[in-house]
Amino acid sequence: MVNAVMAMYVGAQTVGRTTEGDSKAFNVKVGLHQQSVLSGSVVIVMEIITRELQAGLPLEILYADDLILMAESEESLRDKIVKWKSGLEAKGVKMNTGNTVVV
């Protein structure tokens, strides 16, 4: 399933729109395209492939391709991030830790 979705994104391009006009087209290499017909499907697929990782609300919130993890301590949170990252990668899904913020 992951490979089928990834194949749909090969060579995907987009443009930025401003009041000054559109930018030149550029490749989109990560993320779910906004308003994609896949948005609803991603929710279902992510629910299925993450079942074994989930501890449940309110400590984890999964929405489309976004994930919120909560924990009692920073150490516990880091452990959760590692668990989710390795669990997702085992299913062929990359977790972008570059956007990770600890609050």
N, C-alpha and C. Protein backbone atom coordinates (compact mmCIF):
# COMPACT_ATOMS: atom_id res chain seq x y z
N MET A 1 0.83 -1.20 0.00
CA MET A 1 0.00 0.00 0.00
C MET A 1 0.87 1.26 0.00
N VAL A 2 1.90 1.26 0.85
CA VAL A 2 2.80 2.42 0.92
C VAL A 2 3.46 2.64 -0.42
N ASN A 3 3.93 1.57 -1.06
CA ASN A 3 4.58 1.71 -2.36
C ASN A 3 3.63 2.25 -3.42
N ALA A 4 2.37 1.84 -3.38
CA ALA A 4 1.38 2.33 -4.35
C ALA A 4 1.17 3.83 -4.19
N VAL A 5 1.05 4.29 -2.95
CA VAL A 5 0.87 5.73 -2.69
C VAL A 5 2.11 6.49 -3.11
N MET A 6 3.29 5.96 -2.77
CA MET A 6 4.53 6.63 -3.14
C MET A 6 4.65 6.76 -4.65
N ALA A 7 4.22 5.75 -5.39
CA ALA A 7 4.31 5.78 -6.85
C ALA A 7 3.47 6.92 -7.42
N MET A 8 2.37 7.26 -6.76
CA MET A 8 1.53 8.36 -7.22
C MET A 8 2.22 9.72 -7.10
N TYR A 9 3.22 9.78 -6.24
CA TYR A 9 3.90 11.04 -5.98
C TYR A 9 5.20 11.21 -6.76
N VAL A 10 5.62 10.19 -7.47
CA VAL A 10 6.86 10.28 -8.24
C VAL A 10 6.72 11.37 -9.30
N GLY A 11 7.65 12.31 -9.30
CA GLY A 11 7.64 13.39 -10.27
C GLY A 11 6.61 14.48 -9.99
N ALA A 12 5.98 14.45 -8.81
CA ALA A 12 4.96 15.45 -8.48
C ALA A 12 5.59 16.83 -8.38
N GLN A 13 4.91 17.82 -8.95
CA GLN A 13 5.38 19.20 -8.90
C GLN A 13 4.26 20.11 -8.44
N THR A 14 4.64 21.26 -7.95
CA THR A 14 3.66 22.27 -7.55
C THR A 14 4.25 23.65 -7.80
N VAL A 15 3.43 24.67 -7.63
CA VAL A 15 3.88 26.06 -7.75
C VAL A 15 3.40 26.82 -6.53
N GLY A 16 4.09 27.87 -6.20
CA GLY A 16 3.65 28.76 -5.13
C GLY A 16 2.85 29.89 -5.75
N ARG A 17 1.72 30.22 -5.18
CA ARG A 17 0.88 31.30 -5.70
C ARG A 17 0.95 32.50 -4.78
N THR A 18 1.21 33.65 -5.35
CA THR A 18 1.25 34.91 -4.60
C THR A 18 0.46 35.96 -5.37
N THR A 19 0.32 37.11 -4.77
CA THR A 19 -0.35 38.21 -5.47
C THR A 19 0.47 38.69 -6.66
N GLU A 20 1.75 38.37 -6.66
CA GLU A 20 2.63 38.75 -7.76
C GLU A 20 2.64 37.72 -8.89
N GLY A 21 1.95 36.60 -8.69
CA GLY A 21 1.90 35.56 -9.71
C GLY A 21 2.44 34.25 -9.19
N ASP A 22 2.47 33.25 -10.06
CA ASP A 22 2.93 31.91 -9.69
C ASP A 22 4.44 31.80 -9.79
N SER A 23 5.01 30.98 -8.89
CA SER A 23 6.44 30.69 -8.96
C SER A 23 6.69 29.67 -10.07
N LYS A 24 7.95 29.41 -10.34
CA LYS A 24 8.28 28.31 -11.24
C LYS A 24 7.93 27.00 -10.55
N ALA A 25 7.59 25.99 -11.32
CA ALA A 25 7.24 24.68 -10.76
C ALA A 25 8.46 24.08 -10.06
N PHE A 26 8.21 23.39 -8.95
CA PHE A 26 9.28 22.70 -8.24
C PHE A 26 8.77 21.35 -7.76
N ASN A 27 9.71 20.42 -7.55
CA ASN A 27 9.36 19.07 -7.13
C ASN A 27 8.90 19.04 -5.68
N VAL A 28 7.90 18.22 -5.41
CA VAL A 28 7.41 17.98 -4.06
C VAL A 28 7.91 16.60 -3.66
N LYS A 29 8.74 16.55 -2.62
CA LYS A 29 9.37 15.28 -2.26
C LYS A 29 8.86 14.68 -0.96
N VAL A 30 8.20 15.47 -0.11
CA VAL A 30 7.69 14.95 1.16
C VAL A 30 6.29 15.49 1.43
N GLY A 31 5.58 14.79 2.30
CA GLY A 31 4.29 15.27 2.77
C GLY A 31 3.12 14.88 1.89
N LEU A 32 1.95 15.08 2.40
CA LEU A 32 0.71 14.82 1.69
C LEU A 32 0.28 16.11 1.02
N HIS A 33 -0.04 16.04 -0.26
CA HIS A 33 -0.47 17.23 -0.97
C HIS A 33 -1.76 17.75 -0.37
N GLN A 34 -1.84 19.06 -0.18
CA GLN A 34 -3.05 19.63 0.39
C GLN A 34 -4.23 19.39 -0.54
N GLN A 35 -5.36 19.11 0.04
CA GLN A 35 -6.62 18.84 -0.65
C GLN A 35 -6.53 17.62 -1.57
N SER A 36 -5.60 16.72 -1.26
CA SER A 36 -5.45 15.50 -2.04
C SER A 36 -6.63 14.57 -1.79
N VAL A 37 -7.01 13.82 -2.82
CA VAL A 37 -8.07 12.82 -2.64
C VAL A 37 -7.60 11.72 -1.69
N LEU A 38 -6.30 11.65 -1.44
CA LEU A 38 -5.75 10.64 -0.54
C LEU A 38 -5.93 10.99 0.93
N SER A 39 -6.30 12.21 1.24
CA SER A 39 -6.37 12.64 2.64
C SER A 39 -7.20 11.70 3.50
N GLY A 40 -8.39 11.35 3.06
CA GLY A 40 -9.23 10.44 3.83
C GLY A 40 -8.63 9.05 3.93
N SER A 41 -8.01 8.61 2.85
CA SER A 41 -7.38 7.28 2.85
C SER A 41 -6.19 7.23 3.79
N VAL A 42 -5.45 8.33 3.86
CA VAL A 42 -4.27 8.35 4.73
C VAL A 42 -4.67 8.15 6.17
N VAL A 43 -5.78 8.73 6.59
CA VAL A 43 -6.26 8.57 7.96
C VAL A 43 -6.49 7.09 8.25
N ILE A 44 -7.14 6.40 7.34
CA ILE A 44 -7.44 4.97 7.52
C ILE A 44 -6.16 4.14 7.53
N VAL A 45 -5.29 4.39 6.55
CA VAL A 45 -4.04 3.63 6.44
C VAL A 45 -3.16 3.85 7.66
N MET A 46 -3.01 5.10 8.09
CA MET A 46 -2.17 5.38 9.26
C MET A 46 -2.74 4.73 10.51
N GLU A 47 -4.05 4.71 10.63
CA GLU A 47 -4.68 4.04 11.77
C GLU A 47 -4.31 2.56 11.80
N ILE A 48 -4.36 1.93 10.64
CA ILE A 48 -4.07 0.50 10.56
C ILE A 48 -2.60 0.20 10.83
N ILE A 49 -1.69 0.95 10.20
CA ILE A 49 -0.26 0.62 10.34
C ILE A 49 0.33 1.06 11.67
N THR A 50 -0.41 1.88 12.44
CA THR A 50 0.13 2.33 13.72
C THR A 50 -0.57 1.71 14.93
N ARG A 51 -1.49 0.80 14.70
CA ARG A 51 -2.24 0.21 15.83
C ARG A 51 -1.34 -0.33 16.93
N GLU A 52 -0.29 -1.04 16.55
CA GLU A 52 0.59 -1.64 17.56
C GLU A 52 1.46 -0.61 18.28
N LEU A 53 1.54 0.61 17.76
CA LEU A 53 2.34 1.66 18.39
C LEU A 53 1.51 2.52 19.34
N GLN A 54 0.22 2.51 19.15
CA GLN A 54 -0.65 3.44 19.86
C GLN A 54 -0.90 3.05 21.31
N ALA A 55 -0.76 4.05 22.20
CA ALA A 55 -1.14 3.89 23.60
C ALA A 55 -2.52 4.50 23.82
N GLY A 56 -2.92 5.40 22.90
CA GLY A 56 -4.25 5.99 22.95
C GLY A 56 -4.29 7.41 23.44
N LEU A 57 -5.48 7.99 23.33
CA LEU A 57 -5.72 9.36 23.77
C LEU A 57 -5.60 9.44 25.27
N PRO A 58 -5.22 10.52 25.86
CA PRO A 58 -4.80 11.78 25.24
C PRO A 58 -3.30 11.84 24.95
N LEU A 59 -2.59 10.73 25.16
CA LEU A 59 -1.12 10.76 25.04
C LEU A 59 -0.63 10.73 23.60
N GLU A 60 -1.48 10.36 22.67
CA GLU A 60 -1.10 10.32 21.26
C GLU A 60 -2.28 10.75 20.40
N ILE A 61 -2.03 11.66 19.50
CA ILE A 61 -3.05 12.12 18.58
C ILE A 61 -2.49 11.98 17.18
N LEU A 62 -3.17 11.20 16.36
CA LEU A 62 -2.75 10.96 14.98
C LEU A 62 -3.82 11.54 14.07
N TYR A 63 -3.44 12.48 13.21
CA TYR A 63 -4.38 13.08 12.28
C TYR A 63 -3.74 13.17 10.90
N ALA A 64 -4.28 12.39 9.95
CA ALA A 64 -3.73 12.32 8.59
C ALA A 64 -2.25 11.99 8.69
N ASP A 65 -1.39 12.93 8.28
CA ASP A 65 0.05 12.64 8.33
C ASP A 65 0.74 13.42 9.45
N ASP A 66 -0.01 13.84 10.45
CA ASP A 66 0.55 14.55 11.61
C ASP A 66 0.39 13.70 12.86
N LEU A 67 1.37 13.84 13.76
CA LEU A 67 1.37 13.05 15.00
C LEU A 67 1.75 13.95 16.17
N ILE A 68 0.99 13.86 17.24
CA ILE A 68 1.30 14.55 18.49
C ILE A 68 1.51 13.49 19.55
N LEU A 69 2.67 13.53 20.20
CA LEU A 69 2.98 12.61 21.29
C LEU A 69 3.12 13.41 22.58
N MET A 70 2.58 12.89 23.66
CA MET A 70 2.69 13.54 24.97
C MET A 70 3.20 12.53 25.98
N ALA A 71 3.97 13.04 26.97
CA ALA A 71 4.51 12.17 28.00
C ALA A 71 4.72 12.97 29.28
N GLU A 72 4.94 12.25 30.37
CA GLU A 72 5.13 12.87 31.68
C GLU A 72 6.50 13.54 31.81
N SER A 73 7.49 13.04 31.08
CA SER A 73 8.84 13.60 31.16
C SER A 73 9.46 13.68 29.77
N GLU A 74 10.49 14.48 29.65
CA GLU A 74 11.17 14.62 28.37
C GLU A 74 11.83 13.30 27.96
N GLU A 75 12.37 12.58 28.93
CA GLU A 75 13.00 11.28 28.64
C GLU A 75 11.97 10.29 28.10
N SER A 76 10.81 10.25 28.73
CA SER A 76 9.74 9.37 28.28
C SER A 76 9.26 9.75 26.88
N LEU A 77 9.21 11.05 26.62
CA LEU A 77 8.81 11.53 25.30
C LEU A 77 9.82 11.12 24.24
N ARG A 78 11.10 11.26 24.55
CA ARG A 78 12.15 10.85 23.61
C ARG A 78 12.05 9.35 23.31
N ASP A 79 11.76 8.55 24.33
CA ASP A 79 11.58 7.11 24.13
C ASP A 79 10.40 6.84 23.18
N LYS A 80 9.31 7.58 23.35
CA LYS A 80 8.15 7.43 22.47
C LYS A 80 8.49 7.79 21.03
N ILE A 81 9.23 8.88 20.86
CA ILE A 81 9.61 9.31 19.51
C ILE A 81 10.43 8.22 18.82
N VAL A 82 11.37 7.64 19.55
CA VAL A 82 12.19 6.56 18.99
C VAL A 82 11.32 5.37 18.63
N LYS A 83 10.40 5.01 19.52
CA LYS A 83 9.50 3.88 19.28
C LYS A 83 8.67 4.10 18.03
N TRP A 84 8.06 5.29 17.90
CA TRP A 84 7.24 5.59 16.74
C TRP A 84 8.07 5.64 15.47
N LYS A 85 9.22 6.27 15.54
CA LYS A 85 10.08 6.39 14.35
C LYS A 85 10.47 5.01 13.83
N SER A 86 10.96 4.15 14.70
CA SER A 86 11.37 2.81 14.26
C SER A 86 10.16 1.98 13.82
N GLY A 87 9.03 2.12 14.51
CA GLY A 87 7.83 1.38 14.13
C GLY A 87 7.30 1.79 12.76
N LEU A 88 7.30 3.09 12.48
CA LEU A 88 6.85 3.57 11.18
C LEU A 88 7.81 3.16 10.07
N GLU A 89 9.11 3.28 10.34
CA GLU A 89 10.09 2.90 9.33
C GLU A 89 10.01 1.41 8.99
N ALA A 90 9.66 0.59 9.97
CA ALA A 90 9.48 -0.85 9.72
C ALA A 90 8.33 -1.10 8.74
N LYS A 91 7.39 -0.15 8.68
CA LYS A 91 6.24 -0.27 7.76
C LYS A 91 6.48 0.49 6.45
N GLY A 92 7.67 1.10 6.31
CA GLY A 92 7.99 1.83 5.08
C GLY A 92 7.58 3.28 5.09
N VAL A 93 7.27 3.83 6.27
CA VAL A 93 6.85 5.22 6.40
C VAL A 93 7.95 6.00 7.10
N LYS A 94 8.34 7.12 6.53
CA LYS A 94 9.41 7.93 7.13
C LYS A 94 8.79 8.99 8.05
N MET A 95 9.31 9.07 9.26
CA MET A 95 8.88 10.09 10.21
C MET A 95 9.87 11.24 10.12
N ASN A 96 9.37 12.43 9.80
CA ASN A 96 10.22 13.59 9.64
C ASN A 96 10.49 14.21 11.01
N THR A 97 11.60 13.81 11.62
CA THR A 97 11.94 14.34 12.95
C THR A 97 12.50 15.76 12.85
N GLY A 98 12.74 16.24 11.65
CA GLY A 98 13.19 17.62 11.46
C GLY A 98 12.13 18.61 11.87
N ASN A 99 10.87 18.20 11.84
CA ASN A 99 9.76 19.08 12.26
C ASN A 99 9.35 18.82 13.70
N THR A 100 10.10 18.00 14.40
CA THR A 100 9.75 17.64 15.77
C THR A 100 10.08 18.77 16.74
N VAL A 101 9.14 19.08 17.59
CA VAL A 101 9.31 20.12 18.60
C VAL A 101 8.93 19.54 19.96
N VAL A 102 9.80 19.72 20.95
CA VAL A 102 9.50 19.30 22.30
C VAL A 102 9.09 20.54 23.08
N VAL A 103 7.89 20.49 23.68
CA VAL A 103 7.37 21.63 24.43
C VAL A 103 7.22 21.26 25.88
